[in-house]
């Protein structure tokens, strides 16, 4: 079997495993107070172009989203997201568990549009009963989106401008950030992103690490007692070295972007393959997730040798499927898929 199920089916990049092994018997301080975590934070701050950035290493994506949103919001506030946003669909109510409503708005190709956000905010604050409602306190997006699509610089600027106008925090989920930045369709860099939001995170779990996400506050504004809140959410590792070593490795010699570019090259090959076979796509994704439309018969035949996901029906006998590449995806797996198709 070859797998295109998701981008975290593999373990970790060999260089990370090597460094974890060679440092295994070093006796280091816990909770991120070790030299490798300090080095990782410095490298990340350099990479985002803001040496004064505050960086925190957390265990995983769901914990990171729940922790950051809970830390940003007062107890009476909610977070605005696209109706297809990860926190609204695929995190098991983790945000709501900590007392914050996810306020969903219509999306287009997985993206929250600034005109839709503006209309919602205008109507909310013009409503004489708004004090009876959950107050919006934060706007959440992911880059790339759940559908593999990308926000342009102009779209990010428009959303951030609205957030500042209405005193809302702007949070960017970067679980697949490398795959977005490495796409030829991206018109922003890591430096740009640091100027276009209040807080974002750099995904490790899906991009070469065993686990872990790096939360970055590039312009200050770290919530009070964030370290304590991270611990309350179960997102703090006692052996913080495990995250520190991984991110220190990913941000040495541009490894993070190198392996991200590999995933994008694999995805573009995958896309060309489906196009050559005359297959259409549910959405035009320029990143590592591709969504070809297949018939039930095609799905059943391919599933004998290939793992992938079926996301939903789009016709009487047609379904949206998802094929995801990763930092590891061998090109010969795509050659094998071509034979099967």
Protein backbone atom coordinates (compact mmCIF):
# COMPACT_ATOMS: atom_id res chain seq x y z
CA UNK A 1 0.00 0.00 0.00
CA UNK A 2 1.07 3.55 -0.70
CA UNK A 3 -0.44 6.33 1.37
CA UNK A 4 -1.61 9.86 0.61
CA UNK A 5 -3.90 9.92 3.64
CA UNK A 6 -2.40 12.92 5.42
CA UNK A 7 0.85 14.74 6.07
CA UNK A 8 1.75 13.23 9.42
CA UNK A 9 1.74 9.49 8.74
CA UNK A 10 5.55 9.38 8.84
CA UNK A 11 7.61 9.82 11.99
CA UNK A 12 10.26 12.52 11.80
CA UNK A 13 13.01 13.75 9.52
CA UNK A 14 16.20 11.65 9.93
CA UNK A 15 18.23 14.68 11.02
CA UNK A 16 15.83 15.24 13.91
CA UNK A 17 16.09 11.60 14.97
CA UNK A 18 19.88 11.83 14.77
CA UNK A 19 20.03 14.87 17.00
CA UNK A 20 17.54 13.45 19.48
CA UNK A 21 19.66 10.31 19.70
CA UNK A 22 23.02 12.03 20.08
CA UNK A 23 21.71 14.33 22.85
CA UNK A 24 19.72 11.60 24.60
CA UNK A 25 21.95 11.25 27.65
CA UNK A 26 22.56 14.94 28.23
CA UNK A 27 21.05 16.03 31.53
CA UNK A 28 19.11 19.17 30.72
CA UNK A 29 16.71 21.47 32.54
CA UNK A 30 13.02 20.85 32.00
CA UNK A 31 10.04 22.85 30.74
CA UNK A 32 11.95 24.52 27.92
CA UNK A 33 14.73 25.95 30.07
CA UNK A 34 17.41 24.03 28.16
CA UNK A 35 20.03 25.33 25.74
CA UNK A 36 18.44 23.70 22.66
CA UNK A 37 15.08 25.36 23.24
CA UNK A 38 16.81 28.72 23.70
CA UNK A 39 18.68 28.17 20.44
CA UNK A 40 15.47 27.15 18.64
CA UNK A 41 13.68 30.30 19.81
CA UNK A 42 16.56 32.48 18.61
CA UNK A 43 16.61 30.77 15.21
CA UNK A 44 12.85 31.17 14.82
CA UNK A 45 12.98 34.85 15.80
CA UNK A 46 15.70 35.37 13.18
CA UNK A 47 13.67 33.47 10.57
CA UNK A 48 10.58 35.65 11.07
CA UNK A 49 12.67 38.82 10.94
CA UNK A 50 11.77 40.00 14.44
CA UNK A 51 14.57 39.29 16.89
CA UNK A 52 12.41 40.45 19.79
CA UNK A 53 9.67 37.91 19.00
CA UNK A 54 8.30 35.89 21.89
CA UNK A 55 8.34 32.19 20.99
CA UNK A 56 6.67 29.31 22.84
CA UNK A 57 6.92 25.61 21.95
CA UNK A 58 3.73 23.60 22.49
CA UNK A 59 2.92 19.94 22.01
CA UNK A 60 0.39 19.81 19.15
CA UNK A 61 -2.03 21.70 16.92
CA UNK A 62 -5.27 21.27 18.86
CA UNK A 63 -3.57 22.15 22.15
CA UNK A 64 -2.00 25.19 20.49
CA UNK A 65 -5.25 26.51 19.03
CA UNK A 66 -7.13 25.98 22.29
CA UNK A 67 -4.35 27.49 24.40
CA UNK A 68 -3.72 30.59 22.30
CA UNK A 69 -7.41 31.39 21.83
CA UNK A 70 -8.15 30.89 25.52
CA UNK A 71 -5.21 33.13 26.44
CA UNK A 72 -6.23 35.88 24.01
CA UNK A 73 -9.89 36.03 24.98
CA UNK A 74 -11.71 37.24 28.09
CA UNK A 75 -14.15 34.67 29.44
CA UNK A 76 -17.16 36.31 27.79
CA UNK A 77 -15.71 36.42 24.24
CA UNK A 78 -15.72 34.10 21.24
CA UNK A 79 -13.52 33.56 18.21
CA UNK A 80 -14.59 34.20 14.60
CA UNK A 81 -13.67 31.57 12.02
CA UNK A 82 -14.66 30.40 8.57
CA UNK A 83 -17.41 27.78 8.71
CA UNK A 84 -14.88 25.29 7.31
CA UNK A 85 -12.15 26.39 9.75
CA UNK A 86 -10.25 23.68 11.58
CA UNK A 87 -11.33 24.84 15.03
CA UNK A 88 -14.96 24.77 13.91
CA UNK A 89 -14.90 21.32 12.30
CA UNK A 90 -12.05 19.04 13.27
CA UNK A 91 -11.04 19.77 16.85
CA UNK A 92 -13.79 18.03 18.78
CA UNK A 93 -15.12 21.17 20.44
CA UNK A 94 -11.76 21.92 22.10
CA UNK A 95 -12.34 25.67 21.90
CA UNK A 96 -15.84 25.42 23.36
CA UNK A 97 -14.57 23.14 26.13
CA UNK A 98 -12.70 26.10 27.57
CA UNK A 99 -15.72 28.38 27.40
CA UNK A 100 -15.32 30.17 24.07
CA UNK A 101 -17.87 29.96 21.28
CA UNK A 102 -16.61 29.52 17.72
CA UNK A 103 -18.55 32.10 15.70
CA UNK A 104 -18.63 30.74 12.15
CA UNK A 105 -19.03 32.85 9.02
CA UNK A 106 -19.54 31.73 5.40
CA UNK A 107 -16.35 30.91 3.53
CA UNK A 108 -15.30 30.91 -0.10
CA UNK A 109 -12.82 28.17 -1.08
CA UNK A 110 -12.12 27.77 2.63
CA UNK A 111 -11.25 31.43 3.12
CA UNK A 112 -12.81 34.00 5.40
CA UNK A 113 -13.45 37.11 3.28
CA UNK A 114 -12.93 40.59 4.67
CA UNK A 115 -16.25 41.87 3.28
CA UNK A 116 -18.09 39.04 5.05
CA UNK A 117 -16.24 39.78 8.29
CA UNK A 118 -16.92 43.51 8.00
CA UNK A 119 -20.62 42.97 7.39
CA UNK A 120 -20.86 40.69 10.43
CA UNK A 121 -19.06 43.17 12.69
CA UNK A 122 -21.09 46.13 11.50
CA UNK A 123 -24.36 44.29 12.04
CA UNK A 124 -23.23 42.96 15.43
CA UNK A 125 -22.34 46.36 16.88
CA UNK A 126 -25.41 48.02 15.39
CA UNK A 127 -27.64 45.46 17.07
CA UNK A 128 -29.16 46.96 20.22
CA UNK A 129 -29.19 43.50 21.81
CA UNK A 130 -25.49 42.76 21.18
CA UNK A 131 -24.75 42.78 24.93
CA UNK A 132 -26.89 39.65 25.14
CA UNK A 133 -24.61 37.87 22.64
CA UNK A 134 -21.17 36.30 22.70
CA UNK A 135 -18.74 39.15 22.09
CA UNK A 136 -16.23 38.67 19.24
CA UNK A 137 -12.68 38.96 20.55
CA UNK A 138 -10.47 37.21 18.04
CA UNK A 139 -10.36 36.24 14.37
CA UNK A 140 -8.88 32.86 13.45
CA UNK A 141 -7.72 31.68 10.03
CA UNK A 142 -5.32 28.98 8.88
CA UNK A 143 -2.61 29.32 6.26
CA UNK A 144 -3.14 27.19 4.18
CA UNK A 145 -6.87 26.68 4.73
CA UNK A 146 -8.57 23.34 5.31
CA UNK A 147 -9.05 23.19 1.53
CA UNK A 148 -5.38 23.84 0.78
CA UNK A 149 -6.07 27.35 -0.50
CA UNK A 150 -3.98 30.42 0.30
CA UNK A 151 -4.76 33.94 1.41
CA UNK A 152 -3.04 36.62 -0.64
CA UNK A 153 -1.08 39.38 1.04
CA UNK A 154 -3.89 41.78 0.14
CA UNK A 155 -6.48 39.53 1.77
CA UNK A 156 -4.42 39.20 4.95
CA UNK A 157 -3.90 42.95 5.10
CA UNK A 158 -7.64 43.54 4.76
CA UNK A 159 -8.46 41.10 7.56
CA UNK A 160 -5.78 42.51 9.86
CA UNK A 161 -6.94 46.07 9.22
CA UNK A 162 -10.47 45.11 10.25
CA UNK A 163 -9.19 43.36 13.36
CA UNK A 164 -7.28 46.46 14.45
CA UNK A 165 -10.28 48.70 13.71
CA UNK A 166 -12.52 46.60 15.96
CA UNK A 167 -9.83 45.79 18.59
CA UNK A 168 -9.83 42.08 17.74
CA UNK A 169 -6.76 39.84 17.90
CA UNK A 170 -5.77 38.19 14.61
CA UNK A 171 -4.49 34.61 14.99
CA UNK A 172 -3.08 32.51 12.14
CA UNK A 173 -2.99 28.72 12.49
CA UNK A 174 0.18 27.58 10.74
CA UNK A 175 -0.04 23.82 11.19
CA UNK A 176 0.87 23.56 7.48
CA UNK A 177 2.59 26.94 7.26
CA UNK A 178 5.68 25.65 5.46
CA UNK A 179 3.57 24.08 2.73
CA UNK A 180 1.80 27.39 2.22
CA UNK A 181 4.95 29.50 2.09
CA UNK A 182 6.68 27.01 -0.23
CA UNK A 183 3.86 27.09 -2.77
CA UNK A 184 4.61 29.02 -5.99
CA UNK A 185 1.18 30.63 -5.50
CA UNK A 186 2.19 32.27 -2.22
CA UNK A 187 2.94 35.99 -2.34
CA UNK A 188 4.10 36.29 1.27
CA UNK A 189 7.16 35.24 3.25
CA UNK A 190 7.63 34.40 6.91
CA UNK A 191 8.81 37.99 7.39
CA UNK A 192 5.59 39.27 5.84
CA UNK A 193 3.37 37.08 7.99
CA UNK A 194 5.01 38.46 11.13
CA UNK A 195 3.74 41.90 10.12
CA UNK A 196 0.23 40.77 9.17
CA UNK A 197 -1.11 39.28 12.40
CA UNK A 198 -0.83 39.42 16.19
CA UNK A 199 0.16 35.79 16.68
CA UNK A 200 0.77 32.75 14.50
CA UNK A 201 2.35 29.36 14.85
CA UNK A 202 4.81 27.35 12.84
CA UNK A 203 3.67 23.76 12.50
CA UNK A 204 6.13 20.98 13.25
CA UNK A 205 3.88 17.92 13.58
CA UNK A 206 2.91 17.99 9.89
CA UNK A 207 6.29 19.21 8.65
CA UNK A 208 9.10 16.93 9.71
CA UNK A 209 8.84 16.83 13.51
CA UNK A 210 7.61 14.01 15.71
CA UNK A 211 5.36 16.57 17.39
CA UNK A 212 5.25 20.21 18.33
CA UNK A 213 4.25 23.69 17.19
CA UNK A 214 6.09 26.99 17.66
CA UNK A 215 3.85 29.90 18.68
CA UNK A 216 5.22 33.31 17.70
CA UNK A 217 4.18 36.72 19.02
CA UNK A 218 6.21 38.88 16.63
CA UNK A 219 5.08 42.26 17.93
CA UNK A 220 4.74 41.70 21.65
CA UNK A 221 1.32 41.51 23.26
CA UNK A 222 1.87 38.17 24.95
CA UNK A 223 -1.11 37.41 27.22
CA UNK A 224 -0.42 37.54 30.94
CA UNK A 225 0.66 34.26 32.53
CA UNK A 226 0.78 32.47 29.16
CA UNK A 227 3.23 29.89 30.52
CA UNK A 228 0.70 28.94 33.21
CA UNK A 229 -2.14 28.79 30.67
CA UNK A 230 -0.04 26.52 28.43
CA UNK A 231 0.44 24.18 31.36
CA UNK A 232 -3.26 24.23 32.24
CA UNK A 233 -4.04 23.11 28.69
CA UNK A 234 -1.66 20.15 28.86
CA UNK A 235 0.49 21.69 26.12
CA UNK A 236 3.71 21.97 28.14
CA UNK A 237 6.29 19.20 28.05
CA UNK A 238 8.37 18.54 31.15
CA UNK A 239 11.06 17.30 28.77
CA UNK A 240 10.93 20.52 26.78
CA UNK A 241 14.22 19.56 25.15
CA UNK A 242 12.27 17.23 22.83
CA UNK A 243 10.57 20.19 21.19
CA UNK A 244 13.60 22.46 21.41
CA UNK A 245 15.91 20.02 19.63
CA UNK A 246 13.37 19.41 16.89
CA UNK A 247 12.78 23.08 16.09
CA UNK A 248 16.45 23.90 16.45
CA UNK A 249 17.07 21.28 13.77
CA UNK A 250 14.22 22.41 11.51
CA UNK A 251 15.52 25.97 11.56
CA UNK A 252 19.15 25.06 10.87
CA UNK A 253 20.31 25.42 7.25
CA UNK A 254 16.77 26.21 6.08
CA UNK A 255 15.67 22.59 6.60
CA UNK A 256 12.07 23.59 7.33
CA UNK A 257 11.57 25.26 3.97
CA UNK A 258 13.61 22.68 2.04
CA UNK A 259 11.39 19.81 3.13
CA UNK A 260 8.27 21.94 2.66
CA UNK A 261 9.28 22.58 -0.95
CA UNK A 262 9.64 18.83 -1.48
CA UNK A 263 6.02 18.30 -0.41
CA UNK A 264 4.85 20.99 -2.81
CA UNK A 265 6.79 19.51 -5.73
CA UNK A 266 5.21 16.13 -4.96
CA UNK A 267 1.75 17.72 -4.81
CA UNK A 268 2.20 19.49 -8.15
CA UNK A 269 3.26 16.20 -9.74
CA UNK A 270 0.18 14.60 -8.22
CA UNK A 271 -2.01 17.36 -9.59
CA UNK A 272 -0.53 17.07 -13.09
CA UNK A 273 -1.15 13.33 -12.98
CA UNK A 274 -4.86 13.72 -12.19
CA UNK A 275 -5.18 16.42 -14.87
CA UNK A 276 -3.57 14.13 -17.45
CA UNK A 277 -6.15 11.49 -16.59
CA UNK A 278 -8.95 13.98 -17.26
CA UNK A 279 -10.08 14.26 -13.65
CA UNK A 280 -11.50 17.45 -12.17
CA UNK A 281 -10.95 18.99 -8.75
CA UNK A 282 -13.34 20.20 -6.11
CA UNK A 283 -11.14 23.21 -5.35
CA UNK A 284 -8.00 24.71 -6.91
CA UNK A 285 -5.40 24.02 -4.25
CA UNK A 286 -1.79 25.14 -4.79
CA UNK A 287 -0.48 23.37 -1.69
CA UNK A 288 0.13 19.83 -0.46
CA UNK A 289 -3.56 18.83 -0.29
CA UNK A 290 -5.28 17.94 -3.57
CA UNK A 291 -9.00 17.22 -3.91
CA UNK A 292 -9.79 15.24 -7.07
CA UNK A 293 -13.36 14.16 -7.75
CA UNK A 294 -13.64 10.38 -8.21
CA UNK A 295 -16.48 7.98 -8.81
CA UNK A 296 -17.35 5.28 -6.30
CA UNK A 297 -15.98 2.65 -8.69
CA UNK A 298 -12.67 4.50 -9.02
CA UNK A 299 -12.46 4.87 -5.26
CA UNK A 300 -13.09 1.17 -4.67
CA UNK A 301 -10.50 0.15 -7.25
CA UNK A 302 -7.79 2.54 -6.05
CA UNK A 303 -8.41 1.69 -2.40
CA UNK A 304 -7.02 -1.81 -2.97
CA UNK A 305 -3.53 -0.33 -3.27
CA UNK A 306 -3.72 3.32 -2.16
CA UNK A 307 -4.76 5.01 1.06
CA UNK A 308 -6.52 8.37 0.74
CA UNK A 309 -9.58 10.09 2.18
CA UNK A 310 -13.15 10.43 0.93
CA UNK A 311 -14.48 13.82 2.06
CA UNK A 312 -17.99 14.10 0.71
CA UNK A 313 -20.49 13.49 -2.08
CA UNK A 314 -20.72 15.97 -4.98
CA UNK A 315 -23.01 14.05 -7.32
CA UNK A 316 -25.05 10.91 -7.62
CA UNK A 317 -21.93 8.76 -7.92
CA UNK A 318 -19.07 11.25 -7.41
CA UNK A 319 -17.12 12.14 -4.30
CA UNK A 320 -14.51 14.65 -3.20
CA UNK A 321 -11.34 12.84 -2.19
CA UNK A 322 -8.20 14.16 -0.54
CA UNK A 323 -4.67 13.17 -1.48
CA UNK A 324 -2.02 14.77 0.75
CA UNK A 325 1.72 14.83 0.23
CA UNK A 326 4.29 15.43 2.94
CA UNK A 327 7.92 16.38 3.51
CA UNK A 328 8.73 12.69 2.91
CA UNK A 329 6.49 11.60 0.01
CA UNK A 330 8.67 9.56 -2.41
CA UNK A 331 8.22 10.50 -6.05
CA UNK A 332 8.06 6.81 -6.94
CA UNK A 333 4.80 6.61 -4.97
CA UNK A 334 3.35 9.05 -7.47
CA UNK A 335 4.73 6.94 -10.32
CA UNK A 336 3.03 3.92 -8.77
CA UNK A 337 -0.24 5.86 -8.50
CA UNK A 338 0.05 6.74 -12.20
CA UNK A 339 0.24 3.04 -13.06
CA UNK A 340 -2.80 2.28 -10.95
CA UNK A 341 -4.82 5.11 -12.48
